[in-house]
Each structure stands twice: as structure tokens, then as C-alpha cells.
Amino acid sequence: MQWLHYVALFFGGAFLINAVPHVVSGVMGRPFQSPFAKPPGQGLSSSTVNVLWGFFNAVVGYLLIRRAGSFDGHDAADMVAAALGALLLALFLAHQFGRFNGGKL
């Protein structure tokens, strides 16, 4: 099933892009929103929680792209599927978290 391949790549890209703010915030020692905060997605989680959550997202993204999706970096359709997942989630997260972190002026 070819479409499942692209779905795996799309979500792999989304998981990988979601890992970035959590790992970066955690490594910098800064709290950041996570699903484990109170209220979920709005409150702040510790830097340790964010590193762990970001690492989990990176592992899931890797598994989706390299194992489930059999990603070929020379195939334009594979690149578009993964990049589209990353871009759409990045735009959504910018909108969601911009109101908490000063990005939505």
C-alpha cells in the first residue's frame, strides 16, 4: 500500500519537528509546554521532562521515517511527504505556542 508509506513519512516529519523545541528548551534548562504540564499543552514542564519528551518524539519520528516509511532521500515524493508533515505541524505549533511565548504579537 503506497499511501501508507506516505502517511508514515508525513507523521515521521511531524514527530521529528516536534522534537526540536522540546529538546532545545530542555538542553537550555528552560521550562516549556508539554502534554504532561497542568493544564496539558499550556502549563510549563521542567527541562528534564522536555528533553525526555523531545527524545521520545525523535525516536518515533526516526522509526516512522526509516522503518515504516523506508525513506529514500533521492525520491521527491518521499521528501515532500516528510517535509509537509514537518511544515504543517511547525505552523500549527507556532500558532498554538505563540500566545504563551511572545511569538504571536
PDB file of N, CA and C in Angstrom:
ATOM      1  N   MET A   1       0.834  -1.183   0.000  1.00  0.00           N
ATOM      2  CA  MET A   1       0.000   0.000   0.000  1.00  0.00           C
ATOM      3  C   MET A   1       0.877   1.245   0.000  1.00  0.00           C
ATOM      4  N   GLN A   2       0.941   1.896  -1.115  1.00  0.00           N
ATOM      5  CA  GLN A   2       1.809   3.061  -1.293  1.00  0.00           C
ATOM      6  C   GLN A   2       1.393   4.232  -0.401  1.00  0.00           C
ATOM      7  N   TRP A   3       0.097   4.438  -0.201  1.00  0.00           N
ATOM      8  CA  TRP A   3      -0.333   5.599   0.571  1.00  0.00           C
ATOM      9  C   TRP A   3       0.076   5.476   2.038  1.00  0.00           C
ATOM     10  N   LEU A   4       0.148   4.276   2.585  1.00  0.00           N
ATOM     11  CA  LEU A   4       0.607   4.110   3.966  1.00  0.00           C
ATOM     12  C   LEU A   4       2.068   4.535   4.125  1.00  0.00           C
ATOM     13  N   HIS A   5       2.856   4.315   3.092  1.00  0.00           N
ATOM     14  CA  HIS A   5       4.246   4.753   3.085  1.00  0.00           C
ATOM     15  C   HIS A   5       4.314   6.269   3.272  1.00  0.00           C
ATOM     16  N   TYR A   6       3.489   6.997   2.535  1.00  0.00           N
ATOM     17  CA  TYR A   6       3.499   8.459   2.623  1.00  0.00           C
ATOM     18  C   TYR A   6       2.905   8.960   3.937  1.00  0.00           C
ATOM     19  N   VAL A   7       1.933   8.250   4.471  1.00  0.00           N
ATOM     20  CA  VAL A   7       1.376   8.614   5.781  1.00  0.00           C
ATOM     21  C   VAL A   7       2.445   8.463   6.859  1.00  0.00           C
ATOM     22  N   ALA A   8       3.214   7.375   6.795  1.00  0.00           N
ATOM     23  CA  ALA A   8       4.298   7.170   7.765  1.00  0.00           C
ATOM     24  C   ALA A   8       5.340   8.276   7.647  1.00  0.00           C
ATOM     25  N   LEU A   9       5.686   8.665   6.431  1.00  0.00           N
ATOM     26  CA  LEU A   9       6.666   9.737   6.237  1.00  0.00           C
ATOM     27  C   LEU A   9       6.126  11.071   6.735  1.00  0.00           C
ATOM     28  N   PHE A  10       4.861  11.353   6.459  1.00  0.00           N
ATOM     29  CA  PHE A  10       4.223  12.598   6.902  1.00  0.00           C
ATOM     30  C   PHE A  10       4.295  12.709   8.430  1.00  0.00           C
ATOM     31  N   PHE A  11       3.860  11.658   9.116  1.00  0.00           N
ATOM     32  CA  PHE A  11       3.873  11.693  10.575  1.00  0.00           C
ATOM     33  C   PHE A  11       5.292  11.599  11.138  1.00  0.00           C
ATOM     34  N   GLY A  12       6.191  10.940  10.433  1.00  0.00           N
ATOM     35  CA  GLY A  12       7.590  10.934  10.844  1.00  0.00           C
ATOM     36  C   GLY A  12       8.162  12.338  10.851  1.00  0.00           C
ATOM     37  N   GLY A  13       7.881  13.108   9.796  1.00  0.00           N
ATOM     38  CA  GLY A  13       8.316  14.501   9.748  1.00  0.00           C
ATOM     39  C   GLY A  13       7.706  15.327  10.867  1.00  0.00           C
ATOM     40  N   ALA A  14       6.429  15.074  11.160  1.00  0.00           N
ATOM     41  CA  ALA A  14       5.757  15.807  12.232  1.00  0.00           C
ATOM     42  C   ALA A  14       6.392  15.496  13.590  1.00  0.00           C
ATOM     43  N   PHE A  15       6.653  14.226  13.859  1.00  0.00           N
ATOM     44  CA  PHE A  15       7.287  13.864  15.135  1.00  0.00           C
ATOM     45  C   PHE A  15       8.685  14.459  15.243  1.00  0.00           C
ATOM     46  N   LEU A  16       9.442  14.441  14.150  1.00  0.00           N
ATOM     47  CA  LEU A  16      10.798  14.995  14.203  1.00  0.00           C
ATOM     48  C   LEU A  16      10.788  16.490  14.474  1.00  0.00           C
ATOM     49  N   ILE A  17       9.881  17.223  13.836  1.00  0.00           N
ATOM     50  CA  ILE A  17       9.847  18.672  14.062  1.00  0.00           C
ATOM     51  C   ILE A  17       9.368  18.984  15.474  1.00  0.00           C
ATOM     52  N   ASN A  18       8.503  18.144  16.029  1.00  0.00           N
ATOM     53  CA  ASN A  18       8.032  18.361  17.393  1.00  0.00           C
ATOM     54  C   ASN A  18       9.141  18.108  18.411  1.00  0.00           C
ATOM     55  N   ALA A  19      10.119  17.303  18.073  1.00  0.00           N
ATOM     56  CA  ALA A  19      11.231  17.043  18.995  1.00  0.00           C
ATOM     57  C   ALA A  19      12.089  18.289  19.204  1.00  0.00           C
ATOM     58  N   VAL A  20      12.191  19.120  18.198  1.00  0.00           N
ATOM     59  CA  VAL A  20      13.135  20.251  18.233  1.00  0.00           C
ATOM     60  C   VAL A  20      12.888  21.210  19.395  1.00  0.00           C
ATOM     61  N   PRO A  21      11.692  21.814  19.562  1.00  0.00           N
ATOM     62  CA  PRO A  21      11.548  22.790  20.646  1.00  0.00           C
ATOM     63  C   PRO A  21      11.696  22.172  22.035  1.00  0.00           C
ATOM     64  N   HIS A  22      11.279  20.913  22.177  1.00  0.00           N
ATOM     65  CA  HIS A  22      11.376  20.274  23.487  1.00  0.00           C
ATOM     66  C   HIS A  22      12.828  19.992  23.862  1.00  0.00           C
ATOM     67  N   VAL A  23      13.588  19.436  22.931  1.00  0.00           N
ATOM     68  CA  VAL A  23      14.996  19.146  23.225  1.00  0.00           C
ATOM     69  C   VAL A  23      15.780  20.438  23.414  1.00  0.00           C
ATOM     70  N   VAL A  24      15.563  21.408  22.559  1.00  0.00           N
ATOM     71  CA  VAL A  24      16.307  22.672  22.668  1.00  0.00           C
ATOM     72  C   VAL A  24      15.990  23.373  23.978  1.00  0.00           C
ATOM     73  N   SER A  25      14.697  23.483  24.319  1.00  0.00           N
ATOM     74  CA  SER A  25      14.336  24.118  25.588  1.00  0.00           C
ATOM     75  C   SER A  25      14.924  23.362  26.764  1.00  0.00           C
ATOM     76  N   GLY A  26      14.829  22.043  26.715  1.00  0.00           N
ATOM     77  CA  GLY A  26      15.361  21.242  27.811  1.00  0.00           C
ATOM     78  C   GLY A  26      16.858  21.373  27.970  1.00  0.00           C
ATOM     79  N   VAL A  27      17.583  21.326  26.874  1.00  0.00           N
ATOM     80  CA  VAL A  27      19.043  21.444  26.941  1.00  0.00           C
ATOM     81  C   VAL A  27      19.451  22.829  27.439  1.00  0.00           C
ATOM     82  N   MET A  28      18.652  23.836  27.119  1.00  0.00           N
ATOM     83  CA  MET A  28      18.940  25.193  27.596  1.00  0.00           C
ATOM     84  C   MET A  28      18.524  25.388  29.055  1.00  0.00           C
ATOM     85  N   GLY A  29      17.869  24.366  29.624  1.00  0.00           N
ATOM     86  CA  GLY A  29      17.445  24.457  31.013  1.00  0.00           C
ATOM     87  C   GLY A  29      16.188  25.264  31.217  1.00  0.00           C
ATOM     88  N   ARG A  30      15.424  25.444  30.160  1.00  0.00           N
ATOM     89  CA  ARG A  30      14.208  26.256  30.233  1.00  0.00           C
ATOM     90  C   ARG A  30      12.963  25.372  30.254  1.00  0.00           C
ATOM     91  N   PRO A  31      11.981  25.747  31.055  1.00  0.00           N
ATOM     92  CA  PRO A  31      10.718  25.026  31.008  1.00  0.00           C
ATOM     93  C   PRO A  31       9.987  25.347  29.705  1.00  0.00           C
ATOM     94  N   PHE A  32       9.127  24.438  29.272  1.00  0.00           N
ATOM     95  CA  PHE A  32       8.367  24.633  28.035  1.00  0.00           C
ATOM     96  C   PHE A  32       7.077  23.830  28.144  1.00  0.00           C
ATOM     97  N   GLN A  33       6.078  24.209  27.371  1.00  0.00           N
ATOM     98  CA  GLN A  33       4.810  23.500  27.379  1.00  0.00           C
ATOM     99  C   GLN A  33       4.998  22.064  26.896  1.00  0.00           C
ATOM    100  N   SER A  34       4.246  21.154  27.513  1.00  0.00           N
ATOM    101  CA  SER A  34       4.257  19.766  27.065  1.00  0.00           C
ATOM    102  C   SER A  34       2.917  19.137  27.424  1.00  0.00           C
ATOM    103  N   PRO A  35       2.654  17.947  26.899  1.00  0.00           N
ATOM    104  CA  PRO A  35       1.403  17.279  27.244  1.00  0.00           C
ATOM    105  C   PRO A  35       1.325  16.869  28.718  1.00  0.00           C
ATOM    106  N   PHE A  36       2.438  16.919  29.442  1.00  0.00           N
ATOM    107  CA  PHE A  36       2.473  16.477  30.826  1.00  0.00           C
ATOM    108  C   PHE A  36       2.291  17.623  31.819  1.00  0.00           C
ATOM    109  N   ALA A  37       2.188  18.845  31.327  1.00  0.00           N
ATOM    110  CA  ALA A  37       2.017  20.012  32.189  1.00  0.00           C
ATOM    111  C   ALA A  37       0.560  20.108  32.632  1.00  0.00           C
ATOM    112  N   LYS A  38       0.314  20.967  33.590  1.00  0.00           N
ATOM    113  CA  LYS A  38      -1.051  21.228  34.031  1.00  0.00           C
ATOM    114  C   LYS A  38      -1.361  22.682  33.778  1.00  0.00           C
ATOM    115  N   PRO A  39      -2.333  23.012  32.960  1.00  0.00           N
ATOM    116  CA  PRO A  39      -3.115  22.164  32.064  1.00  0.00           C
ATOM    117  C   PRO A  39      -2.249  21.689  30.884  1.00  0.00           C
ATOM    118  N   PRO A  40      -2.556  20.508  30.346  1.00  0.00           N
ATOM    119  CA  PRO A  40      -1.749  19.945  29.255  1.00  0.00           C
ATOM    120  C   PRO A  40      -1.633  20.894  28.061  1.00  0.00           C
ATOM    121  N   GLY A  41      -0.406  21.063  27.592  1.00  0.00           N
ATOM    122  CA  GLY A  41      -0.162  21.909  26.432  1.00  0.00           C
ATOM    123  C   GLY A  41      -0.148  23.394  26.723  1.00  0.00           C
ATOM    124  N   GLN A  42      -0.460  23.778  27.950  1.00  0.00           N
ATOM    125  CA  GLN A  42      -0.478  25.203  28.294  1.00  0.00           C
ATOM    126  C   GLN A  42       0.493  25.522  29.422  1.00  0.00           C
ATOM    127  N   GLY A  43       0.498  24.685  30.448  1.00  0.00           N
ATOM    128  CA  GLY A  43       1.415  24.888  31.556  1.00  0.00           C
ATOM    129  C   GLY A  43       2.834  24.513  31.150  1.00  0.00           C
ATOM    130  N   LEU A  44       3.770  24.804  32.025  1.00  0.00           N
ATOM    131  CA  LEU A  44       5.172  24.530  31.729  1.00  0.00           C
ATOM    132  C   LEU A  44       5.626  23.231  32.378  1.00  0.00           C
ATOM    133  N   SER A  45       6.417  22.471  31.650  1.00  0.00           N
ATOM    134  CA  SER A  45       7.065  21.267  32.174  1.00  0.00           C
ATOM    135  C   SER A  45       8.543  21.561  32.380  1.00  0.00           C
ATOM    136  N   SER A  46       9.166  20.797  33.238  1.00  0.00           N
ATOM    137  CA  SER A  46      10.588  21.008  33.531  1.00  0.00           C
ATOM    138  C   SER A  46      11.445  20.728  32.306  1.00  0.00           C
ATOM    139  N   SER A  47      12.666  21.186  32.380  1.00  0.00           N
ATOM    140  CA  SER A  47      13.599  20.953  31.279  1.00  0.00           C
ATOM    141  C   SER A  47      13.874  19.458  31.105  1.00  0.00           C
ATOM    142  N   THR A  48      13.917  18.711  32.182  1.00  0.00           N
ATOM    143  CA  THR A  48      14.142  17.268  32.095  1.00  0.00           C
ATOM    144  C   THR A  48      13.000  16.572  31.380  1.00  0.00           C
ATOM    145  N   VAL A  49      11.775  16.919  31.731  1.00  0.00           N
ATOM    146  CA  VAL A  49      10.600  16.345  31.058  1.00  0.00           C
ATOM    147  C   VAL A  49      10.641  16.668  29.576  1.00  0.00           C
ATOM    148  N   ASN A  50      11.025  17.881  29.232  1.00  0.00           N
ATOM    149  CA  ASN A  50      11.076  18.274  27.827  1.00  0.00           C
ATOM    150  C   ASN A  50      12.153  17.533  27.052  1.00  0.00           C
ATOM    151  N   VAL A  51      13.302  17.295  27.656  1.00  0.00           N
ATOM    152  CA  VAL A  51      14.339  16.517  26.973  1.00  0.00           C
ATOM    153  C   VAL A  51      13.822  15.102  26.717  1.00  0.00           C
ATOM    154  N   LEU A  52      13.201  14.495  27.712  1.00  0.00           N
ATOM    155  CA  LEU A  52      12.674  13.137  27.549  1.00  0.00           C
ATOM    156  C   LEU A  52      11.568  13.084  26.501  1.00  0.00           C
ATOM    157  N   TRP A  53      10.659  14.054  26.530  1.00  0.00           N
ATOM    158  CA  TRP A  53       9.559  14.099  25.555  1.00  0.00           C
ATOM    159  C   TRP A  53      10.113  14.356  24.151  1.00  0.00           C
ATOM    160  N   GLY A  54      11.069  15.239  24.035  1.00  0.00           N
ATOM    161  CA  GLY A  54      11.684  15.514  22.737  1.00  0.00           C
ATOM    162  C   GLY A  54      12.422  14.302  22.202  1.00  0.00           C
ATOM    163  N   PHE A  55      13.137  13.598  23.060  1.00  0.00           N
ATOM    164  CA  PHE A  55      13.856  12.404  22.634  1.00  0.00           C
ATOM    165  C   PHE A  55      12.878  11.324  22.183  1.00  0.00           C
ATOM    166  N   PHE A  56      11.782  11.163  22.911  1.00  0.00           N
ATOM    167  CA  PHE A  56      10.749  10.204  22.510  1.00  0.00           C
ATOM    168  C   PHE A  56      10.203  10.550  21.121  1.00  0.00           C
ATOM    169  N   ASN A  57       9.920  11.825  20.886  1.00  0.00           N
ATOM    170  CA  ASN A  57       9.432  12.259  19.574  1.00  0.00           C
ATOM    171  C   ASN A  57      10.451  11.981  18.478  1.00  0.00           C
ATOM    172  N   ALA A  58      11.719  12.204  18.763  1.00  0.00           N
ATOM    173  CA  ALA A  58      12.767  11.942  17.772  1.00  0.00           C
ATOM    174  C   ALA A  58      12.849  10.458  17.436  1.00  0.00           C
ATOM    175  N   VAL A  59      12.744   9.599  18.441  1.00  0.00           N
ATOM    176  CA  VAL A  59      12.801   8.152  18.208  1.00  0.00           C
ATOM    177  C   VAL A  59      11.599   7.699  17.376  1.00  0.00           C
ATOM    178  N   VAL A  60      10.409   8.166  17.727  1.00  0.00           N
ATOM    179  CA  VAL A  60       9.206   7.794  16.967  1.00  0.00           C
ATOM    180  C   VAL A  60       9.311   8.310  15.528  1.00  0.00           C
ATOM    181  N   GLY A  61       9.768   9.538  15.361  1.00  0.00           N
ATOM    182  CA  GLY A  61       9.941  10.094  14.020  1.00  0.00           C
ATOM    183  C   GLY A  61      10.926   9.287  13.196  1.00  0.00           C
ATOM    184  N   TYR A  62      12.043   8.913  13.816  1.00  0.00           N
ATOM    185  CA  TYR A  62      13.036   8.080  13.134  1.00  0.00           C
ATOM    186  C   TYR A  62      12.434   6.741  12.716  1.00  0.00           C
ATOM    187  N   LEU A  63      11.736   6.100  13.634  1.00  0.00           N
ATOM    188  CA  LEU A  63      11.145   4.796  13.325  1.00  0.00           C
ATOM    189  C   LEU A  63      10.128   4.892  12.193  1.00  0.00           C
ATOM    190  N   LEU A  64       9.333   5.952  12.203  1.00  0.00           N
ATOM    191  CA  LEU A  64       8.345   6.118  11.136  1.00  0.00           C
ATOM    192  C   LEU A  64       9.001   6.361   9.786  1.00  0.00           C
ATOM    193  N   ILE A  65      10.056   7.157   9.782  1.00  0.00           N
ATOM    194  CA  ILE A  65      10.688   7.504   8.507  1.00  0.00           C
ATOM    195  C   ILE A  65      11.604   6.382   8.008  1.00  0.00           C
ATOM    196  N   ARG A  66      12.409   5.834   8.868  1.00  0.00           N
ATOM    197  CA  ARG A  66      13.400   4.839   8.417  1.00  0.00           C
ATOM    198  C   ARG A  66      12.876   3.415   8.394  1.00  0.00           C
ATOM    199  N   ARG A  67      11.950   3.084   9.275  1.00  0.00           N
ATOM    200  CA  ARG A  67      11.489   1.700   9.362  1.00  0.00           C
ATOM    201  C   ARG A  67      10.138   1.511   8.671  1.00  0.00           C
ATOM    202  N   ALA A  68       9.147   2.293   9.071  1.00  0.00           N
ATOM    203  CA  ALA A  68       7.803   2.122   8.493  1.00  0.00           C
ATOM    204  C   ALA A  68       7.733   2.721   7.097  1.00  0.00           C
ATOM    205  N   GLY A  69       8.414   3.836   6.897  1.00  0.00           N
ATOM    206  CA  GLY A  69       8.305   4.530   5.627  1.00  0.00           C
ATOM    207  C   GLY A  69       9.356   4.174   4.599  1.00  0.00           C
ATOM    208  N   SER A  70      10.445   3.561   4.977  1.00  0.00           N
ATOM    209  CA  SER A  70      11.546   3.258   4.055  1.00  0.00           C
ATOM    210  C   SER A  70      11.927   4.483   3.228  1.00  0.00           C
ATOM    211  N   PHE A  71      12.308   5.528   3.915  1.00  0.00           N
ATOM    212  CA  PHE A  71      12.596   6.829   3.311  1.00  0.00           C
ATOM    213  C   PHE A  71      13.751   6.754   2.319  1.00  0.00           C
ATOM    214  N   ASP A  72      13.537   7.364   1.153  1.00  0.00           N
ATOM    215  CA  ASP A  72      14.586   7.494   0.139  1.00  0.00           C
ATOM    216  C   ASP A  72      14.785   8.985  -0.107  1.00  0.00           C
ATOM    217  N   GLY A  73      15.908   9.518   0.342  1.00  0.00           N
ATOM    218  CA  GLY A  73      16.188  10.945   0.210  1.00  0.00           C
ATOM    219  C   GLY A  73      16.309  11.430  -1.220  1.00  0.00           C
ATOM    220  N   HIS A  74      16.436  10.518  -2.180  1.00  0.00           N
ATOM    221  CA  HIS A  74      16.514  10.889  -3.592  1.00  0.00           C
ATOM    222  C   HIS A  74      15.151  10.883  -4.273  1.00  0.00           C
ATOM    223  N   ASP A  75      14.123  10.447  -3.562  1.00  0.00           N
ATOM    224  CA  ASP A  75      12.770  10.400  -4.108  1.00  0.00           C
ATOM    225  C   ASP A  75      12.026  11.667  -3.692  1.00  0.00           C
ATOM    226  N   ALA A  76      11.646  12.474  -4.661  1.00  0.00           N
ATOM    227  CA  ALA A  76      10.989  13.754  -4.379  1.00  0.00           C
ATOM    228  C   ALA A  76       9.692  13.566  -3.604  1.00  0.00           C
ATOM    229  N   ALA A  77       8.926  12.540  -3.920  1.00  0.00           N
ATOM    230  CA  ALA A  77       7.654  12.314  -3.227  1.00  0.00           C
ATOM    231  C   ALA A  77       7.890  11.995  -1.748  1.00  0.00           C
ATOM    232  N   ASP A  78       8.937  11.232  -1.442  1.00  0.00           N
ATOM    233  CA  ASP A  78       9.275  10.948  -0.045  1.00  0.00           C
ATOM    234  C   ASP A  78       9.661  12.232   0.684  1.00  0.00           C
ATOM    235  N   MET A  79      10.471  13.045   0.042  1.00  0.00           N
ATOM    236  CA  MET A  79      10.892  14.318   0.644  1.00  0.00           C
ATOM    237  C   MET A  79       9.698  15.227   0.907  1.00  0.00           C
ATOM    238  N   VAL A  80       8.796  15.320  -0.061  1.00  0.00           N
ATOM    239  CA  VAL A  80       7.623  16.186   0.079  1.00  0.00           C
ATOM    240  C   VAL A  80       6.735  15.691   1.215  1.00  0.00           C
ATOM    241  N   ALA A  81       6.504  14.394   1.307  1.00  0.00           N
ATOM    242  CA  ALA A  81       5.641  13.849   2.360  1.00  0.00           C
ATOM    243  C   ALA A  81       6.201  14.165   3.748  1.00  0.00           C
ATOM    244  N   ALA A  82       7.490  13.921   3.963  1.00  0.00           N
ATOM    245  CA  ALA A  82       8.109  14.188   5.267  1.00  0.00           C
ATOM    246  C   ALA A  82       8.165  15.691   5.547  1.00  0.00           C
ATOM    247  N   ALA A  83       8.524  16.478   4.550  1.00  0.00           N
ATOM    248  CA  ALA A  83       8.623  17.931   4.735  1.00  0.00           C
ATOM    249  C   ALA A  83       7.254  18.552   4.985  1.00  0.00           C
ATOM    250  N   LEU A  84       6.232  18.039   4.332  1.00  0.00           N
ATOM    251  CA  LEU A  84       4.882  18.568   4.529  1.00  0.00           C
ATOM    252  C   LEU A  84       4.406  18.292   5.949  1.00  0.00           C
ATOM    253  N   GLY A  85       4.677  17.098   6.460  1.00  0.00           N
ATOM    254  CA  GLY A  85       4.329  16.797   7.851  1.00  0.00           C
ATOM    255  C   GLY A  85       5.038  17.725   8.812  1.00  0.00           C
ATOM    256  N   ALA A  86       6.322  17.961   8.572  1.00  0.00           N
ATOM    257  CA  ALA A  86       7.102  18.856   9.433  1.00  0.00           C
ATOM    258  C   ALA A  86       6.590  20.291   9.339  1.00  0.00           C
ATOM    259  N   LEU A  87       6.342  20.770   8.128  1.00  0.00           N
ATOM    260  CA  LEU A  87       5.902  22.151   7.946  1.00  0.00           C
ATOM    261  C   LEU A  87       4.533  22.399   8.564  1.00  0.00           C
ATOM    262  N   LEU A  88       3.591  21.515   8.315  1.00  0.00           N
ATOM    263  CA  LEU A  88       2.246  21.727   8.840  1.00  0.00           C
ATOM    264  C   LEU A  88       2.226  21.683  10.366  1.00  0.00           C
ATOM    265  N   LEU A  89       2.961  20.761  10.965  1.00  0.00           N
ATOM    266  CA  LEU A  89       2.986  20.735  12.424  1.00  0.00           C
ATOM    267  C   LEU A  89       3.735  21.947  12.964  1.00  0.00           C
ATOM    268  N   ALA A  90       4.795  22.368  12.308  1.00  0.00           N
ATOM    269  CA  ALA A  90       5.535  23.557  12.764  1.00  0.00           C
ATOM    270  C   ALA A  90       4.649  24.795  12.741  1.00  0.00           C
ATOM    271  N   LEU A  91       3.852  24.963  11.690  1.00  0.00           N
ATOM    272  CA  LEU A  91       2.937  26.112  11.620  1.00  0.00           C
ATOM    273  C   LEU A  91       1.865  26.035  12.700  1.00  0.00           C
ATOM    274  N   PHE A  92       1.334  24.837  12.918  1.00  0.00           N
ATOM    275  CA  PHE A  92       0.331  24.654  13.967  1.00  0.00           C
ATOM    276  C   PHE A  92       0.917  24.980  15.341  1.00  0.00           C
ATOM    277  N   LEU A  93       2.116  24.459  15.625  1.00  0.00           N
ATOM    278  CA  LEU A  93       2.738  24.708  16.921  1.00  0.00           C
ATOM    279  C   LEU A  93       3.104  26.179  17.103  1.00  0.00           C
ATOM    280  N   ALA A  94       3.537  26.836  16.045  1.00  0.00           N
ATOM    281  CA  ALA A  94       3.838  28.266  16.129  1.00  0.00           C
ATOM    282  C   ALA A  94       2.588  29.047  16.517  1.00  0.00           C
ATOM    283  N   HIS A  95       1.478  28.659  15.950  1.00  0.00           N
ATOM    284  CA  HIS A  95       0.205  29.322  16.269  1.00  0.00           C
ATOM    285  C   HIS A  95      -0.212  29.020  17.711  1.00  0.00           C
ATOM    286  N   GLN A  96      -0.122  27.750  18.109  1.00  0.00           N
ATOM    287  CA  GLN A  96      -0.555  27.347  19.448  1.00  0.00           C
ATOM    288  C   GLN A  96       0.317  27.940  20.550  1.00  0.00           C
ATOM    289  N   PHE A  97       1.634  27.834  20.405  1.00  0.00           N
ATOM    290  CA  PHE A  97       2.532  28.250  21.469  1.00  0.00           C
ATOM    291  C   PHE A  97       2.950  29.710  21.372  1.00  0.00           C
ATOM    292  N   GLY A  98       2.663  30.344  20.258  1.00  0.00           N
ATOM    293  CA  GLY A  98       2.994  31.756  20.113  1.00  0.00           C
ATOM    294  C   GLY A  98       2.324  32.619  21.151  1.00  0.00           C
ATOM    295  N   ARG A  99       1.116  32.252  21.545  1.00  0.00           N
ATOM    296  CA  ARG A  99       0.391  33.059  22.547  1.00  0.00           C
ATOM    297  C   ARG A  99       1.007  32.944  23.940  1.00  0.00           C
ATOM    298  N   PHE A 100       1.758  31.864  24.204  1.00  0.00           N
ATOM    299  CA  PHE A 100       2.390  31.696  25.510  1.00  0.00           C
ATOM    300  C   PHE A 100       3.807  32.241  25.550  1.00  0.00           C
ATOM    301  N   ASN A 101       4.491  32.261  24.413  1.00  0.00           N
ATOM    302  CA  ASN A 101       5.913  32.585  24.395  1.00  0.00           C
ATOM    303  C   ASN A 101       6.241  33.866  23.639  1.00  0.00           C
ATOM    304  N   GLY A 102       5.272  34.711  23.406  1.00  0.00           N
ATOM    305  CA  GLY A 102       5.508  36.002  22.784  1.00  0.00           C
ATOM    306  C   GLY A 102       5.686  35.983  21.285  1.00  0.00           C
ATOM    307  N   GLY A 103       5.411  34.880  20.629  1.00  0.00           N
ATOM    308  CA  GLY A 103       5.587  34.805  19.184  1.00  0.00           C
ATOM    309  C   GLY A 103       4.393  35.250  18.394  1.00  0.00           C
ATOM    310  N   LYS A 104       3.258  35.427  19.067  1.00  0.00           N
ATOM    311  CA  LYS A 104       2.028  35.850  18.375  1.00  0.00           C
ATOM    312  C   LYS A 104       1.705  37.259  18.801  1.00  0.00           C
ATOM    313  N   LEU A 105       2.348  38.202  18.150  1.00  0.00           N
ATOM    314  CA  LEU A 105       2.180  39.612  18.542  1.00  0.00           C
ATOM    315  C   LEU A 105       1.041  40.253  17.791  1.00  0.00           C
TER     316      LEU A 105
END
